[in-house]
């Protein structure tokens, strides 16, 4: 854990895994066509990790 290069790589992989796992868990409650994984702004900057559009509601999920 003292290796900064390893720690950055680990945090990056852990973050991606957590985003996918969160989306997978939420897919039990929401349809796939209602969910967006890592949606982007028009300037290609990431908006959030998981976005759910259901009826007239928006759920914004940010994994940490």
PDB file of N, CA and C in Angstrom:
ATOM      1  N   UNK A   1       0.819  -1.201   0.000  1.00  0.00           N
ATOM      2  CA  UNK A   1       0.000   0.000   0.000  1.00  0.00           C
ATOM      3  C   UNK A   1       0.864   1.267   0.000  1.00  0.00           C
ATOM      4  N   UNK A   2       2.160   1.123   0.229  1.00  0.00           N
ATOM      5  CA  UNK A   2       3.043   2.292   0.198  1.00  0.00           C
ATOM      6  C   UNK A   2       3.431   2.688  -1.219  1.00  0.00           C
ATOM      7  N   UNK A   3       3.204   1.808  -2.178  1.00  0.00           N
ATOM      8  CA  UNK A   3       3.537   2.066  -3.573  1.00  0.00           C
ATOM      9  C   UNK A   3       2.444   2.935  -4.190  1.00  0.00           C
ATOM     10  N   UNK A   4       2.735   4.196  -4.419  1.00  0.00           N
ATOM     11  CA  UNK A   4       1.737   5.148  -4.926  1.00  0.00           C
ATOM     12  C   UNK A   4       1.220   4.752  -6.303  1.00  0.00           C
ATOM     13  N   UNK A   5       2.069   4.212  -7.147  1.00  0.00           N
ATOM     14  CA  UNK A   5       1.638   3.793  -8.479  1.00  0.00           C
ATOM     15  C   UNK A   5       0.611   2.661  -8.364  1.00  0.00           C
ATOM     16  N   UNK A   6       0.888   1.707  -7.499  1.00  0.00           N
ATOM     17  CA  UNK A   6      -0.047   0.602  -7.277  1.00  0.00           C
ATOM     18  C   UNK A   6      -1.351   1.112  -6.683  1.00  0.00           C
ATOM     19  N   UNK A   7      -1.270   2.017  -5.724  1.00  0.00           N
ATOM     20  CA  UNK A   7      -2.460   2.536  -5.057  1.00  0.00           C
ATOM     21  C   UNK A   7      -3.376   3.251  -6.036  1.00  0.00           C
ATOM     22  N   UNK A   8      -2.828   4.040  -6.946  1.00  0.00           N
ATOM     23  CA  UNK A   8      -3.629   4.733  -7.968  1.00  0.00           C
ATOM     24  C   UNK A   8      -4.299   3.730  -8.906  1.00  0.00           C
ATOM     25  N   UNK A   9      -3.541   2.718  -9.326  1.00  0.00           N
ATOM     26  CA  UNK A   9      -4.100   1.695 -10.223  1.00  0.00           C
ATOM     27  C   UNK A   9      -5.206   0.915  -9.520  1.00  0.00           C
ATOM     28  N   UNK A  10      -4.986   0.569  -8.262  1.00  0.00           N
ATOM     29  CA  UNK A  10      -5.983  -0.164  -7.482  1.00  0.00           C
ATOM     30  C   UNK A  10      -7.257   0.661  -7.311  1.00  0.00           C
ATOM     31  N   UNK A  11      -7.124   1.936  -6.972  1.00  0.00           N
ATOM     32  CA  UNK A  11      -8.288   2.801  -6.771  1.00  0.00           C
ATOM     33  C   UNK A  11      -9.086   2.952  -8.061  1.00  0.00           C
ATOM     34  N   UNK A  12      -8.400   3.051  -9.189  1.00  0.00           N
ATOM     35  CA  UNK A  12      -9.066   3.180 -10.483  1.00  0.00           C
ATOM     36  C   UNK A  12      -9.861   1.920 -10.821  1.00  0.00           C
ATOM     37  N   UNK A  13      -9.249   0.753 -10.642  1.00  0.00           N
ATOM     38  CA  UNK A  13      -9.933  -0.506 -10.940  1.00  0.00           C
ATOM     39  C   UNK A  13     -11.081  -0.748  -9.962  1.00  0.00           C
ATOM     40  N   UNK A  14     -10.871  -0.400  -8.699  1.00  0.00           N
ATOM     41  CA  UNK A  14     -11.910  -0.576  -7.696  1.00  0.00           C
ATOM     42  C   UNK A  14     -13.112   0.306  -8.021  1.00  0.00           C
ATOM     43  N   UNK A  15     -12.861   1.537  -8.462  1.00  0.00           N
ATOM     44  CA  UNK A  15     -13.942   2.455  -8.821  1.00  0.00           C
ATOM     45  C   UNK A  15     -14.776   1.929  -9.979  1.00  0.00           C
ATOM     46  N   UNK A  16     -14.132   1.440 -11.012  1.00  0.00           N
ATOM     47  CA  UNK A  16     -14.856   0.885 -12.165  1.00  0.00           C
ATOM     48  C   UNK A  16     -15.667  -0.341 -11.762  1.00  0.00           C
ATOM     49  N   UNK A  17     -15.074  -1.198 -10.923  1.00  0.00           N
ATOM     50  CA  UNK A  17     -15.789  -2.382 -10.454  1.00  0.00           C
ATOM     51  C   UNK A  17     -17.020  -1.981  -9.647  1.00  0.00           C
ATOM     52  N   UNK A  18     -16.868  -1.007  -8.767  1.00  0.00           N
ATOM     53  CA  UNK A  18     -17.981  -0.568  -7.936  1.00  0.00           C
ATOM     54  C   UNK A  18     -19.109   0.025  -8.778  1.00  0.00           C
ATOM     55  N   UNK A  19     -18.780   0.793  -9.801  1.00  0.00           N
ATOM     56  CA  UNK A  19     -19.798   1.369 -10.688  1.00  0.00           C
ATOM     57  C   UNK A  19     -20.589   0.263 -11.392  1.00  0.00           C
ATOM     58  N   UNK A  20     -19.876  -0.729 -11.931  1.00  0.00           N
ATOM     59  CA  UNK A  20     -20.555  -1.829 -12.631  1.00  0.00           C
ATOM     60  C   UNK A  20     -21.389  -2.662 -11.671  1.00  0.00           C
ATOM     61  N   UNK A  21     -20.877  -2.903 -10.479  1.00  0.00           N
ATOM     62  CA  UNK A  21     -21.606  -3.696  -9.482  1.00  0.00           C
ATOM     63  C   UNK A  21     -22.862  -2.951  -9.027  1.00  0.00           C
ATOM     64  N   UNK A  22     -22.768  -1.648  -8.867  1.00  0.00           N
ATOM     65  CA  UNK A  22     -23.929  -0.838  -8.486  1.00  0.00           C
ATOM     66  C   UNK A  22     -24.993  -0.904  -9.568  1.00  0.00           C
ATOM     67  N   UNK A  23     -24.593  -0.740 -10.817  1.00  0.00           N
ATOM     68  CA  UNK A  23     -25.542  -0.813 -11.929  1.00  0.00           C
ATOM     69  C   UNK A  23     -26.182  -2.197 -12.002  1.00  0.00           C
ATOM     70  N   UNK A  24     -25.384  -3.233 -11.787  1.00  0.00           N
ATOM     71  CA  UNK A  24     -25.917  -4.592 -11.813  1.00  0.00           C
ATOM     72  C   UNK A  24     -26.959  -4.790 -10.704  1.00  0.00           C
ATOM     73  N   UNK A  25     -26.671  -4.307  -9.515  1.00  0.00           N
ATOM     74  CA  UNK A  25     -27.614  -4.439  -8.399  1.00  0.00           C
ATOM     75  C   UNK A  25     -28.896  -3.668  -8.661  1.00  0.00           C
ATOM     76  N   UNK A  26     -28.787  -2.479  -9.225  1.00  0.00           N
ATOM     77  CA  UNK A  26     -29.969  -1.668  -9.513  1.00  0.00           C
ATOM     78  C   UNK A  26     -30.788  -2.239 -10.667  1.00  0.00           C
ATOM     79  N   UNK A  27     -30.155  -3.044 -11.515  1.00  0.00           N
ATOM     80  CA  UNK A  27     -30.884  -3.621 -12.650  1.00  0.00           C
ATOM     81  C   UNK A  27     -31.951  -4.618 -12.190  1.00  0.00           C
ATOM     82  N   UNK A  28     -31.904  -5.019 -10.934  1.00  0.00           N
ATOM     83  CA  UNK A  28     -32.941  -5.896 -10.386  1.00  0.00           C
ATOM     84  C   UNK A  28     -34.241  -5.125 -10.140  1.00  0.00           C
ATOM     85  N   UNK A  29     -34.120  -3.804 -10.034  1.00  0.00           N
ATOM     86  CA  UNK A  29     -35.282  -2.962  -9.744  1.00  0.00           C
ATOM     87  C   UNK A  29     -35.713  -2.091 -10.919  1.00  0.00           C
ATOM     88  N   UNK A  30     -34.776  -1.795 -11.825  1.00  0.00           N
ATOM     89  CA  UNK A  30     -35.042  -0.917 -12.955  1.00  0.00           C
ATOM     90  C   UNK A  30     -34.710  -1.635 -14.258  1.00  0.00           C
ATOM     91  N   UNK A  31     -35.403  -1.281 -15.322  1.00  0.00           N
ATOM     92  CA  UNK A  31     -35.121  -1.844 -16.644  1.00  0.00           C
ATOM     93  C   UNK A  31     -33.801  -1.299 -17.175  1.00  0.00           C
ATOM     94  N   UNK A  32     -33.153  -2.074 -18.036  1.00  0.00           N
ATOM     95  CA  UNK A  32     -31.882  -1.650 -18.625  1.00  0.00           C
ATOM     96  C   UNK A  32     -32.025  -0.372 -19.446  1.00  0.00           C
ATOM     97  N   UNK A  33     -33.182  -0.197 -20.101  1.00  0.00           N
ATOM     98  CA  UNK A  33     -33.364   1.003 -20.920  1.00  0.00           C
ATOM     99  C   UNK A  33     -33.612   2.252 -20.083  1.00  0.00           C
ATOM    100  N   UNK A  34     -33.748   2.116 -18.775  1.00  0.00           N
ATOM    101  CA  UNK A  34     -33.913   3.265 -17.878  1.00  0.00           C
ATOM    102  C   UNK A  34     -32.588   3.667 -17.232  1.00  0.00           C
ATOM    103  N   UNK A  35     -31.543   2.887 -17.445  1.00  0.00           N
ATOM    104  CA  UNK A  35     -30.266   3.109 -16.763  1.00  0.00           C
ATOM    105  C   UNK A  35     -29.166   3.506 -17.739  1.00  0.00           C
ATOM    106  N   UNK A  36     -28.328   4.430 -17.292  1.00  0.00           N
ATOM    107  CA  UNK A  36     -27.149   4.834 -18.058  1.00  0.00           C
ATOM    108  C   UNK A  36     -25.931   4.702 -17.149  1.00  0.00           C
ATOM    109  N   UNK A  37     -24.907   4.018 -17.624  1.00  0.00           N
ATOM    110  CA  UNK A  37     -23.665   3.868 -16.879  1.00  0.00           C
ATOM    111  C   UNK A  37     -22.664   4.889 -17.396  1.00  0.00           C
ATOM    112  N   UNK A  38     -22.163   5.710 -16.521  1.00  0.00           N
ATOM    113  CA  UNK A  38     -21.192   6.765 -16.835  1.00  0.00           C
ATOM    114  C   UNK A  38     -21.638   7.691 -17.968  1.00  0.00           C
ATOM    115  N   UNK A  39     -22.807   8.351 -17.833  1.00  0.00           N
ATOM    116  CA  UNK A  39     -23.222   9.295 -18.881  1.00  0.00           C
ATOM    117  C   UNK A  39     -22.284  10.503 -18.915  1.00  0.00           C
ATOM    118  N   UNK A  40     -22.154  11.093 -20.093  1.00  0.00           N
ATOM    119  CA  UNK A  40     -21.226  12.211 -20.296  1.00  0.00           C
ATOM    120  C   UNK A  40     -21.965  13.495 -20.642  1.00  0.00           C
ATOM    121  N   UNK A  41     -21.377  14.607 -20.234  1.00  0.00           N
ATOM    122  CA  UNK A  41     -21.810  15.918 -20.700  1.00  0.00           C
ATOM    123  C   UNK A  41     -21.412  16.044 -22.174  1.00  0.00           C
ATOM    124  N   UNK A  42     -21.939  17.036 -22.889  1.00  0.00           N
ATOM    125  CA  UNK A  42     -21.516  17.215 -24.291  1.00  0.00           C
ATOM    126  C   UNK A  42     -20.008  17.445 -24.453  1.00  0.00           C
ATOM    127  N   UNK A  43     -19.355  18.011 -23.414  1.00  0.00           N
ATOM    128  CA  UNK A  43     -17.906  18.244 -23.509  1.00  0.00           C
ATOM    129  C   UNK A  43     -17.086  16.999 -23.122  1.00  0.00           C
ATOM    130  N   UNK A  44     -17.771  15.837 -23.000  1.00  0.00           N
ATOM    131  CA  UNK A  44     -17.157  14.533 -22.720  1.00  0.00           C
ATOM    132  C   UNK A  44     -16.720  14.376 -21.259  1.00  0.00           C
ATOM    133  N   UNK A  45     -17.110  15.264 -20.380  1.00  0.00           N
ATOM    134  CA  UNK A  45     -16.829  15.121 -18.954  1.00  0.00           C
ATOM    135  C   UNK A  45     -17.912  14.230 -18.335  1.00  0.00           C
ATOM    136  N   UNK A  46     -17.515  13.350 -17.441  1.00  0.00           N
ATOM    137  CA  UNK A  46     -18.471  12.414 -16.843  1.00  0.00           C
ATOM    138  C   UNK A  46     -19.443  13.151 -15.915  1.00  0.00           C
ATOM    139  N   UNK A  47     -20.725  12.860 -16.067  1.00  0.00           N
ATOM    140  CA  UNK A  47     -21.779  13.485 -15.259  1.00  0.00           C
ATOM    141  C   UNK A  47     -21.923  12.772 -13.910  1.00  0.00           C
ATOM    142  N   UNK A  48     -22.055  11.463 -13.941  1.00  0.00           N
ATOM    143  CA  UNK A  48     -22.188  10.666 -12.722  1.00  0.00           C
ATOM    144  C   UNK A  48     -21.838   9.219 -13.058  1.00  0.00           C
ATOM    145  N   UNK A  49     -21.918   8.351 -12.061  1.00  0.00           N
ATOM    146  CA  UNK A  49     -21.578   6.952 -12.291  1.00  0.00           C
ATOM    147  C   UNK A  49     -22.750   6.159 -12.864  1.00  0.00           C
ATOM    148  N   UNK A  50     -23.926   6.317 -12.282  1.00  0.00           N
ATOM    149  CA  UNK A  50     -25.126   5.644 -12.783  1.00  0.00           C
ATOM    150  C   UNK A  50     -26.264   6.655 -12.768  1.00  0.00           C
ATOM    151  N   UNK A  51     -26.972   6.752 -13.870  1.00  0.00           N
ATOM    152  CA  UNK A  51     -28.121   7.647 -13.991  1.00  0.00           C
ATOM    153  C   UNK A  51     -29.341   6.802 -14.317  1.00  0.00           C
ATOM    154  N   UNK A  52     -30.409   7.006 -13.550  1.00  0.00           N
ATOM    155  CA  UNK A  52     -31.646   6.259 -13.780  1.00  0.00           C
ATOM    156  C   UNK A  52     -32.752   7.255 -14.099  1.00  0.00           C
ATOM    157  N   UNK A  53     -33.422   7.038 -15.220  1.00  0.00           N
ATOM    158  CA  UNK A  53     -34.551   7.864 -15.649  1.00  0.00           C
ATOM    159  C   UNK A  53     -35.791   6.992 -15.584  1.00  0.00           C
ATOM    160  N   UNK A  54     -36.647   7.253 -14.621  1.00  0.00           N
ATOM    161  CA  UNK A  54     -37.844   6.425 -14.415  1.00  0.00           C
ATOM    162  C   UNK A  54     -39.046   7.321 -14.260  1.00  0.00           C
ATOM    163  N   UNK A  55     -40.044   7.093 -15.114  1.00  0.00           N
ATOM    164  CA  UNK A  55     -41.240   7.943 -15.142  1.00  0.00           C
ATOM    165  C   UNK A  55     -40.793   9.390 -15.280  1.00  0.00           C
ATOM    166  N   UNK A  56     -41.104  10.205 -14.313  1.00  0.00           N
ATOM    167  CA  UNK A  56     -40.680  11.611 -14.361  1.00  0.00           C
ATOM    168  C   UNK A  56     -39.669  11.905 -13.268  1.00  0.00           C
ATOM    169  N   UNK A  57     -38.909  10.916 -12.905  1.00  0.00           N
ATOM    170  CA  UNK A  57     -37.920  11.042 -11.845  1.00  0.00           C
ATOM    171  C   UNK A  57     -36.524  10.722 -12.382  1.00  0.00           C
ATOM    172  N   UNK A  58     -35.540  11.357 -11.760  1.00  0.00           N
ATOM    173  CA  UNK A  58     -34.134  11.128 -12.113  1.00  0.00           C
ATOM    174  C   UNK A  58     -33.391  10.735 -10.838  1.00  0.00           C
ATOM    175  N   UNK A  59     -32.681   9.624 -10.917  1.00  0.00           N
ATOM    176  CA  UNK A  59     -31.842   9.182  -9.804  1.00  0.00           C
ATOM    177  C   UNK A  59     -30.393   9.299 -10.241  1.00  0.00           C
ATOM    178  N   UNK A  60     -29.611  10.040  -9.506  1.00  0.00           N
ATOM    179  CA  UNK A  60     -28.194  10.239  -9.815  1.00  0.00           C
ATOM    180  C   UNK A  60     -27.392   9.510  -8.747  1.00  0.00           C
ATOM    181  N   UNK A  61     -26.598   8.549  -9.171  1.00  0.00           N
ATOM    182  CA  UNK A  61     -25.798   7.759  -8.234  1.00  0.00           C
ATOM    183  C   UNK A  61     -24.329   8.035  -8.490  1.00  0.00           C
ATOM    184  N   UNK A  62     -23.625   8.420  -7.429  1.00  0.00           N
ATOM    185  CA  UNK A  62     -22.194   8.661  -7.502  1.00  0.00           C
ATOM    186  C   UNK A  62     -21.534   7.709  -6.523  1.00  0.00           C
ATOM    187  N   UNK A  63     -20.746   6.780  -7.000  1.00  0.00           N
ATOM    188  CA  UNK A  63     -20.106   5.777  -6.144  1.00  0.00           C
ATOM    189  C   UNK A  63     -18.823   6.347  -5.558  1.00  0.00           C
ATOM    190  N   UNK A  64     -18.606   6.034  -4.315  1.00  0.00           N
ATOM    191  CA  UNK A  64     -17.360   6.472  -3.628  1.00  0.00           C
ATOM    192  C   UNK A  64     -16.755   5.340  -2.867  1.00  0.00           C
TER     193      UNK A  64
END
